[in-house]
Amino acid sequence: MALSQAARKVLLTGTVSDSHTWNLVFLELLLTEQGYAVDNLGPCVPVELLVRRCRAYAPDLVVVSSVNGHGYADGLAAVTGLRAEPDLADVPVVIGGNLGLDGRDDAHRRARLRAAGYQAVFDDGDLLAFERYLTALTGQPRTPVGRPA
């Protein structure tokens, strides 16, 4: 799915148990720098709020971020809530950050998240993989700040 320049709305959210904000601020800046219109829901977002805002904002992509180590469990709940709504079943959703308390990359965990409805899983905050994913969506590589396009 390629996004046009006109259709580049991202709904950015933390998970229900994660009170961290620095990751969300960083991602908002990164996405804005790349030309996305970002609606940042902030930390500790209940699934019901995510569903309501997704309907109201009609994003082209939902980005779920967690750094507290509970991203796997919270992320499953978030995507399950979105996928349970017929009108939101096809909205692209990705998740990234510290998804488990054990601090290791877990292929089984990634596979379960993908099976639940995430288009991509960026375990351990793999920023380069996330940027490659965004480039694939838009067909346009990122232009670093301060350099001519």
N, C-alpha and C. Protein backbone atom coordinates (compact mmCIF):
# COMPACT_ATOMS: atom_id res chain seq x y z
N MET A 1 0.84 -1.18 0.00
CA MET A 1 0.00 0.00 0.00
C MET A 1 0.88 1.24 0.00
N ALA A 2 0.85 2.02 -1.05
CA ALA A 2 1.63 3.25 -1.11
C ALA A 2 0.73 4.43 -0.77
N LEU A 3 1.25 5.33 0.05
CA LEU A 3 0.51 6.52 0.44
C LEU A 3 0.91 7.69 -0.45
N SER A 4 -0.07 8.46 -0.89
CA SER A 4 0.23 9.67 -1.65
C SER A 4 0.67 10.77 -0.70
N GLN A 5 1.24 11.82 -1.24
CA GLN A 5 1.64 12.96 -0.42
C GLN A 5 0.44 13.54 0.32
N ALA A 6 -0.73 13.55 -0.33
CA ALA A 6 -1.91 14.14 0.29
C ALA A 6 -2.46 13.27 1.42
N ALA A 7 -2.22 11.97 1.36
CA ALA A 7 -2.76 11.05 2.36
C ALA A 7 -1.65 10.51 3.24
N ARG A 8 -1.26 11.28 4.23
CA ARG A 8 -0.16 10.86 5.09
C ARG A 8 -0.48 11.21 6.54
N LYS A 9 -1.59 10.67 7.03
CA LYS A 9 -2.01 10.93 8.40
C LYS A 9 -1.64 9.73 9.28
N VAL A 10 -0.96 10.02 10.38
CA VAL A 10 -0.56 8.97 11.32
C VAL A 10 -1.19 9.24 12.67
N LEU A 11 -1.77 8.19 13.24
CA LEU A 11 -2.24 8.23 14.62
C LEU A 11 -1.18 7.53 15.45
N LEU A 12 -0.54 8.27 16.34
CA LEU A 12 0.55 7.77 17.18
C LEU A 12 0.02 7.57 18.59
N THR A 13 0.34 6.44 19.20
CA THR A 13 -0.20 6.15 20.52
C THR A 13 0.76 5.34 21.37
N GLY A 14 0.71 5.60 22.66
CA GLY A 14 1.35 4.74 23.63
C GLY A 14 0.38 3.62 23.99
N THR A 15 0.84 2.68 24.80
CA THR A 15 -0.02 1.59 25.23
C THR A 15 -0.66 1.92 26.57
N VAL A 16 -1.65 1.13 26.94
CA VAL A 16 -2.45 1.42 28.12
C VAL A 16 -1.63 1.49 29.41
N SER A 17 -0.57 0.69 29.54
CA SER A 17 0.19 0.67 30.79
C SER A 17 1.47 1.49 30.75
N ASP A 18 1.76 2.12 29.62
CA ASP A 18 3.04 2.80 29.45
C ASP A 18 2.88 4.31 29.61
N SER A 19 3.49 4.85 30.66
CA SER A 19 3.39 6.29 30.93
C SER A 19 4.52 7.11 30.32
N HIS A 20 5.42 6.47 29.59
CA HIS A 20 6.53 7.19 28.97
C HIS A 20 6.05 8.11 27.85
N THR A 21 6.69 9.25 27.73
CA THR A 21 6.32 10.19 26.66
C THR A 21 7.47 10.48 25.70
N TRP A 22 8.72 10.27 26.13
CA TRP A 22 9.86 10.64 25.28
C TRP A 22 9.83 9.90 23.96
N ASN A 23 9.43 8.62 23.97
CA ASN A 23 9.36 7.85 22.74
C ASN A 23 8.31 8.42 21.79
N LEU A 24 7.21 8.86 22.34
CA LEU A 24 6.14 9.42 21.52
C LEU A 24 6.53 10.77 20.93
N VAL A 25 7.21 11.59 21.73
CA VAL A 25 7.70 12.88 21.23
C VAL A 25 8.72 12.65 20.11
N PHE A 26 9.65 11.73 20.33
CA PHE A 26 10.66 11.42 19.32
C PHE A 26 10.00 10.96 18.02
N LEU A 27 9.06 10.02 18.12
CA LEU A 27 8.40 9.51 16.92
C LEU A 27 7.57 10.58 16.23
N GLU A 28 6.92 11.43 17.01
CA GLU A 28 6.15 12.52 16.40
C GLU A 28 7.07 13.44 15.60
N LEU A 29 8.22 13.78 16.17
CA LEU A 29 9.18 14.63 15.45
C LEU A 29 9.68 13.93 14.19
N LEU A 30 10.02 12.66 14.28
CA LEU A 30 10.50 11.90 13.14
C LEU A 30 9.45 11.86 12.03
N LEU A 31 8.23 11.54 12.39
CA LEU A 31 7.16 11.44 11.40
C LEU A 31 6.82 12.80 10.79
N THR A 32 6.79 13.83 11.61
CA THR A 32 6.51 15.18 11.11
C THR A 32 7.60 15.63 10.15
N GLU A 33 8.85 15.34 10.51
CA GLU A 33 9.98 15.67 9.64
C GLU A 33 9.85 15.01 8.28
N GLN A 34 9.21 13.86 8.23
CA GLN A 34 9.04 13.13 6.98
C GLN A 34 7.76 13.50 6.25
N GLY A 35 7.05 14.51 6.76
CA GLY A 35 5.89 15.01 6.05
C GLY A 35 4.55 14.46 6.48
N TYR A 36 4.52 13.70 7.55
CA TYR A 36 3.26 13.16 8.04
C TYR A 36 2.54 14.16 8.93
N ALA A 37 1.23 14.16 8.86
CA ALA A 37 0.40 14.86 9.84
C ALA A 37 0.18 13.87 10.97
N VAL A 38 0.59 14.23 12.18
CA VAL A 38 0.58 13.29 13.30
C VAL A 38 -0.40 13.74 14.37
N ASP A 39 -1.26 12.82 14.77
CA ASP A 39 -2.12 13.01 15.93
C ASP A 39 -1.54 12.11 17.02
N ASN A 40 -0.93 12.72 18.04
CA ASN A 40 -0.25 11.99 19.11
C ASN A 40 -1.21 11.87 20.30
N LEU A 41 -1.70 10.66 20.54
CA LEU A 41 -2.63 10.43 21.65
C LEU A 41 -1.93 10.45 23.00
N GLY A 42 -0.62 10.28 23.03
CA GLY A 42 0.11 10.30 24.29
C GLY A 42 0.18 8.95 24.95
N PRO A 43 0.57 8.95 26.24
CA PRO A 43 0.76 7.69 26.97
C PRO A 43 -0.54 7.18 27.60
N CYS A 44 -0.48 5.93 28.06
CA CYS A 44 -1.58 5.31 28.84
C CYS A 44 -2.92 5.38 28.11
N VAL A 45 -2.93 5.00 26.86
CA VAL A 45 -4.14 5.11 26.04
C VAL A 45 -4.96 3.82 26.13
N PRO A 46 -6.18 3.90 26.66
CA PRO A 46 -7.04 2.72 26.69
C PRO A 46 -7.49 2.35 25.27
N VAL A 47 -7.78 1.08 25.07
CA VAL A 47 -8.18 0.60 23.75
C VAL A 47 -9.41 1.35 23.24
N GLU A 48 -10.35 1.63 24.12
CA GLU A 48 -11.58 2.32 23.70
C GLU A 48 -11.28 3.70 23.13
N LEU A 49 -10.34 4.42 23.74
CA LEU A 49 -9.95 5.74 23.23
C LEU A 49 -9.25 5.60 21.88
N LEU A 50 -8.39 4.61 21.75
CA LEU A 50 -7.70 4.37 20.48
C LEU A 50 -8.72 4.11 19.37
N VAL A 51 -9.70 3.29 19.64
CA VAL A 51 -10.73 2.98 18.65
C VAL A 51 -11.51 4.24 18.28
N ARG A 52 -11.95 5.01 19.28
CA ARG A 52 -12.71 6.24 19.00
C ARG A 52 -11.90 7.23 18.17
N ARG A 53 -10.64 7.43 18.55
CA ARG A 53 -9.81 8.42 17.83
C ARG A 53 -9.48 7.94 16.43
N CYS A 54 -9.30 6.65 16.28
CA CYS A 54 -9.02 6.10 14.95
C CYS A 54 -10.21 6.37 14.02
N ARG A 55 -11.39 6.22 14.53
CA ARG A 55 -12.59 6.52 13.73
C ARG A 55 -12.66 8.01 13.39
N ALA A 56 -12.41 8.85 14.35
CA ALA A 56 -12.54 10.30 14.15
C ALA A 56 -11.46 10.86 13.24
N TYR A 57 -10.23 10.38 13.37
CA TYR A 57 -9.09 10.93 12.62
C TYR A 57 -8.92 10.28 11.26
N ALA A 58 -9.39 9.04 11.11
CA ALA A 58 -9.25 8.28 9.86
C ALA A 58 -7.81 8.26 9.37
N PRO A 59 -6.88 7.72 10.18
CA PRO A 59 -5.47 7.74 9.80
C PRO A 59 -5.16 6.76 8.67
N ASP A 60 -4.06 7.05 7.99
CA ASP A 60 -3.54 6.14 6.98
C ASP A 60 -2.65 5.08 7.62
N LEU A 61 -2.21 5.36 8.85
CA LEU A 61 -1.34 4.44 9.58
C LEU A 61 -1.49 4.72 11.07
N VAL A 62 -1.54 3.65 11.86
CA VAL A 62 -1.51 3.76 13.32
C VAL A 62 -0.16 3.22 13.78
N VAL A 63 0.55 4.01 14.59
CA VAL A 63 1.84 3.61 15.14
C VAL A 63 1.69 3.48 16.65
N VAL A 64 1.94 2.27 17.17
CA VAL A 64 1.86 1.98 18.60
C VAL A 64 3.29 1.86 19.11
N SER A 65 3.60 2.59 20.18
CA SER A 65 4.96 2.58 20.74
C SER A 65 4.91 2.29 22.23
N SER A 66 5.86 1.47 22.68
CA SER A 66 5.94 1.14 24.11
C SER A 66 7.39 0.95 24.49
N VAL A 67 7.75 1.47 25.65
CA VAL A 67 9.12 1.28 26.14
C VAL A 67 9.18 0.66 27.53
N ASN A 68 8.02 0.36 28.12
CA ASN A 68 8.03 -0.14 29.50
C ASN A 68 8.17 -1.66 29.61
N GLY A 69 8.23 -2.36 28.49
CA GLY A 69 8.39 -3.81 28.51
C GLY A 69 7.08 -4.58 28.48
N HIS A 70 5.96 -3.87 28.45
CA HIS A 70 4.65 -4.54 28.39
C HIS A 70 4.00 -4.35 27.01
N GLY A 71 4.78 -3.96 26.03
CA GLY A 71 4.25 -3.69 24.70
C GLY A 71 3.62 -4.89 24.04
N TYR A 72 4.14 -6.07 24.31
CA TYR A 72 3.57 -7.28 23.70
C TYR A 72 2.13 -7.47 24.15
N ALA A 73 1.91 -7.55 25.46
CA ALA A 73 0.56 -7.78 25.99
C ALA A 73 -0.37 -6.61 25.67
N ASP A 74 0.10 -5.40 25.91
CA ASP A 74 -0.73 -4.22 25.64
C ASP A 74 -0.99 -4.07 24.14
N GLY A 75 0.02 -4.38 23.34
CA GLY A 75 -0.12 -4.28 21.89
C GLY A 75 -1.12 -5.27 21.33
N LEU A 76 -1.14 -6.48 21.89
CA LEU A 76 -2.14 -7.47 21.47
C LEU A 76 -3.55 -6.95 21.75
N ALA A 77 -3.74 -6.38 22.93
CA ALA A 77 -5.06 -5.84 23.28
C ALA A 77 -5.45 -4.70 22.34
N ALA A 78 -4.51 -3.82 22.03
CA ALA A 78 -4.80 -2.67 21.16
C ALA A 78 -5.21 -3.11 19.76
N VAL A 79 -4.42 -3.98 19.15
CA VAL A 79 -4.72 -4.39 17.78
C VAL A 79 -5.96 -5.27 17.73
N THR A 80 -6.18 -6.07 18.76
CA THR A 80 -7.40 -6.89 18.82
C THR A 80 -8.63 -5.99 18.89
N GLY A 81 -8.53 -4.92 19.68
CA GLY A 81 -9.63 -3.96 19.76
C GLY A 81 -9.91 -3.28 18.44
N LEU A 82 -8.86 -2.89 17.73
CA LEU A 82 -9.04 -2.25 16.42
C LEU A 82 -9.61 -3.24 15.40
N ARG A 83 -9.07 -4.44 15.36
CA ARG A 83 -9.50 -5.42 14.37
C ARG A 83 -10.91 -5.95 14.64
N ALA A 84 -11.41 -5.79 15.86
CA ALA A 84 -12.77 -6.22 16.19
C ALA A 84 -13.83 -5.29 15.59
N GLU A 85 -13.40 -4.12 15.17
CA GLU A 85 -14.32 -3.13 14.58
C GLU A 85 -14.26 -3.24 13.06
N PRO A 86 -15.36 -3.64 12.41
CA PRO A 86 -15.33 -3.84 10.96
C PRO A 86 -14.81 -2.64 10.17
N ASP A 87 -15.14 -1.43 10.60
CA ASP A 87 -14.70 -0.24 9.86
C ASP A 87 -13.22 0.07 10.07
N LEU A 88 -12.56 -0.59 11.02
CA LEU A 88 -11.14 -0.35 11.29
C LEU A 88 -10.28 -1.57 10.96
N ALA A 89 -10.90 -2.61 10.45
CA ALA A 89 -10.20 -3.88 10.23
C ALA A 89 -9.05 -3.77 9.23
N ASP A 90 -9.10 -2.80 8.33
CA ASP A 90 -8.07 -2.69 7.29
C ASP A 90 -7.09 -1.54 7.50
N VAL A 91 -7.22 -0.80 8.59
CA VAL A 91 -6.29 0.30 8.86
C VAL A 91 -4.92 -0.29 9.17
N PRO A 92 -3.87 0.12 8.46
CA PRO A 92 -2.53 -0.39 8.76
C PRO A 92 -2.08 0.02 10.16
N VAL A 93 -1.57 -0.95 10.92
CA VAL A 93 -1.11 -0.72 12.28
C VAL A 93 0.25 -1.36 12.45
N VAL A 94 1.19 -0.61 13.04
CA VAL A 94 2.53 -1.15 13.35
C VAL A 94 2.81 -0.90 14.82
N ILE A 95 3.72 -1.69 15.37
CA ILE A 95 4.11 -1.53 16.78
C ILE A 95 5.62 -1.63 16.89
N GLY A 96 6.17 -0.90 17.85
CA GLY A 96 7.60 -0.97 18.07
C GLY A 96 7.98 -0.52 19.46
N GLY A 97 9.21 -0.83 19.81
CA GLY A 97 9.75 -0.44 21.10
C GLY A 97 10.22 -1.63 21.90
N ASN A 98 10.18 -1.49 23.20
CA ASN A 98 10.56 -2.56 24.11
C ASN A 98 9.31 -3.38 24.38
N LEU A 99 9.16 -4.47 23.65
CA LEU A 99 7.91 -5.21 23.68
C LEU A 99 7.85 -6.28 24.76
N GLY A 100 8.99 -6.61 25.37
CA GLY A 100 9.00 -7.63 26.41
C GLY A 100 9.91 -7.28 27.55
N LEU A 101 9.62 -7.85 28.71
CA LEU A 101 10.42 -7.57 29.90
C LEU A 101 11.77 -8.25 29.89
N ASP A 102 11.91 -9.30 29.08
CA ASP A 102 13.16 -10.06 29.09
C ASP A 102 14.29 -9.39 28.31
N GLY A 103 13.98 -8.35 27.54
CA GLY A 103 15.01 -7.61 26.82
C GLY A 103 15.60 -8.32 25.63
N ARG A 104 14.94 -9.36 25.14
CA ARG A 104 15.49 -10.06 23.98
C ARG A 104 14.49 -10.02 22.82
N ASP A 105 15.02 -10.11 21.63
CA ASP A 105 14.21 -10.18 20.43
C ASP A 105 13.55 -11.56 20.42
N ASP A 106 12.27 -11.61 20.19
CA ASP A 106 11.53 -12.87 20.29
C ASP A 106 10.70 -13.07 19.02
N ALA A 107 11.11 -14.02 18.18
CA ALA A 107 10.42 -14.28 16.92
C ALA A 107 8.98 -14.74 17.16
N HIS A 108 8.75 -15.51 18.21
CA HIS A 108 7.39 -15.98 18.51
C HIS A 108 6.48 -14.80 18.86
N ARG A 109 7.00 -13.89 19.65
CA ARG A 109 6.24 -12.70 20.04
C ARG A 109 5.90 -11.87 18.80
N ARG A 110 6.89 -11.67 17.92
CA ARG A 110 6.64 -10.91 16.68
C ARG A 110 5.58 -11.59 15.82
N ALA A 111 5.68 -12.92 15.71
CA ALA A 111 4.72 -13.67 14.89
C ALA A 111 3.30 -13.56 15.45
N ARG A 112 3.14 -13.61 16.75
CA ARG A 112 1.81 -13.48 17.36
C ARG A 112 1.24 -12.09 17.12
N LEU A 113 2.07 -11.06 17.23
CA LEU A 113 1.61 -9.70 16.97
C LEU A 113 1.19 -9.53 15.51
N ARG A 114 1.96 -10.10 14.61
CA ARG A 114 1.61 -10.03 13.18
C ARG A 114 0.30 -10.78 12.91
N ALA A 115 0.17 -11.95 13.50
CA ALA A 115 -1.05 -12.75 13.31
C ALA A 115 -2.28 -12.03 13.87
N ALA A 116 -2.08 -11.23 14.90
CA ALA A 116 -3.19 -10.50 15.51
C ALA A 116 -3.63 -9.30 14.67
N GLY A 117 -2.76 -8.85 13.74
CA GLY A 117 -3.18 -7.77 12.86
C GLY A 117 -2.19 -6.66 12.61
N TYR A 118 -0.99 -6.73 13.20
CA TYR A 118 0.01 -5.70 12.91
C TYR A 118 0.66 -5.98 11.55
N GLN A 119 0.84 -4.93 10.74
CA GLN A 119 1.54 -5.09 9.46
C GLN A 119 3.03 -5.25 9.67
N ALA A 120 3.56 -4.65 10.72
CA ALA A 120 4.99 -4.74 11.01
C ALA A 120 5.20 -4.62 12.51
N VAL A 121 6.27 -5.29 12.98
CA VAL A 121 6.64 -5.27 14.39
C VAL A 121 8.12 -4.90 14.46
N PHE A 122 8.42 -3.81 15.17
CA PHE A 122 9.79 -3.32 15.29
C PHE A 122 10.24 -3.52 16.73
N ASP A 123 10.64 -4.76 17.03
CA ASP A 123 11.06 -5.10 18.39
C ASP A 123 12.35 -4.38 18.72
N ASP A 124 12.47 -3.98 19.95
CA ASP A 124 13.65 -3.30 20.47
C ASP A 124 13.91 -1.97 19.76
N GLY A 125 12.83 -1.34 19.28
CA GLY A 125 12.95 -0.01 18.70
C GLY A 125 13.85 0.07 17.49
N ASP A 126 13.71 -0.84 16.55
CA ASP A 126 14.54 -0.86 15.35
C ASP A 126 14.15 0.30 14.43
N LEU A 127 14.78 1.45 14.66
CA LEU A 127 14.43 2.68 13.96
C LEU A 127 14.71 2.59 12.46
N LEU A 128 15.81 1.97 12.07
CA LEU A 128 16.12 1.86 10.64
C LEU A 128 15.07 1.03 9.91
N ALA A 129 14.63 -0.06 10.53
CA ALA A 129 13.58 -0.87 9.91
C ALA A 129 12.28 -0.08 9.80
N PHE A 130 11.98 0.72 10.81
CA PHE A 130 10.78 1.56 10.78
C PHE A 130 10.88 2.59 9.65
N GLU A 131 12.03 3.21 9.49
CA GLU A 131 12.21 4.18 8.41
C GLU A 131 12.09 3.50 7.04
N ARG A 132 12.62 2.28 6.91
CA ARG A 132 12.47 1.53 5.65
C ARG A 132 10.99 1.23 5.38
N TYR A 133 10.26 0.91 6.41
CA TYR A 133 8.82 0.65 6.27
C TYR A 133 8.11 1.91 5.78
N LEU A 134 8.42 3.05 6.37
CA LEU A 134 7.80 4.31 5.95
C LEU A 134 8.14 4.63 4.50
N THR A 135 9.38 4.39 4.12
CA THR A 135 9.80 4.63 2.73
C THR A 135 9.02 3.74 1.78
N ALA A 136 8.81 2.49 2.17
CA ALA A 136 8.04 1.57 1.33
C ALA A 136 6.59 2.04 1.20
N LEU A 137 6.04 2.62 2.25
CA LEU A 137 4.66 3.13 2.19
C LEU A 137 4.52 4.29 1.23
N THR A 138 5.48 5.19 1.25
CA THR A 138 5.37 6.42 0.46
C THR A 138 6.12 6.34 -0.87
N GLY A 139 7.06 5.42 -0.96
CA GLY A 139 7.90 5.35 -2.14
C GLY A 139 8.93 6.46 -2.20
N GLN A 140 9.08 7.19 -1.08
CA GLN A 140 10.01 8.32 -1.04
C GLN A 140 10.97 8.15 0.13
N PRO A 141 12.27 8.14 -0.14
CA PRO A 141 13.22 8.06 0.96
C PRO A 141 13.21 9.33 1.79
N ARG A 142 13.61 9.19 3.01
CA ARG A 142 13.68 10.32 3.95
C ARG A 142 14.75 11.31 3.51
N THR A 143 14.44 12.59 3.58
CA THR A 143 15.42 13.64 3.34
C THR A 143 15.92 14.14 4.69
N PRO A 144 17.20 13.94 5.01
CA PRO A 144 17.70 14.41 6.30
C PRO A 144 17.53 15.91 6.46
N VAL A 145 17.24 16.32 7.68
CA VAL A 145 17.07 17.74 7.98
C VAL A 145 18.36 18.48 7.68
N GLY A 146 18.25 19.67 7.07
CA GLY A 146 19.42 20.49 6.80
C GLY A 146 20.09 20.19 5.47
N ARG A 147 19.57 19.21 4.75
CA ARG A 147 20.14 18.88 3.45
C ARG A 147 19.10 19.13 2.37
N PRO A 148 19.53 19.60 1.22
CA PRO A 148 18.56 19.83 0.14
C PRO A 148 17.94 18.52 -0.33
N ALA A 149 16.70 18.60 -0.75
CA ALA A 149 15.99 17.41 -1.24
C ALA A 149 16.49 17.02 -2.61
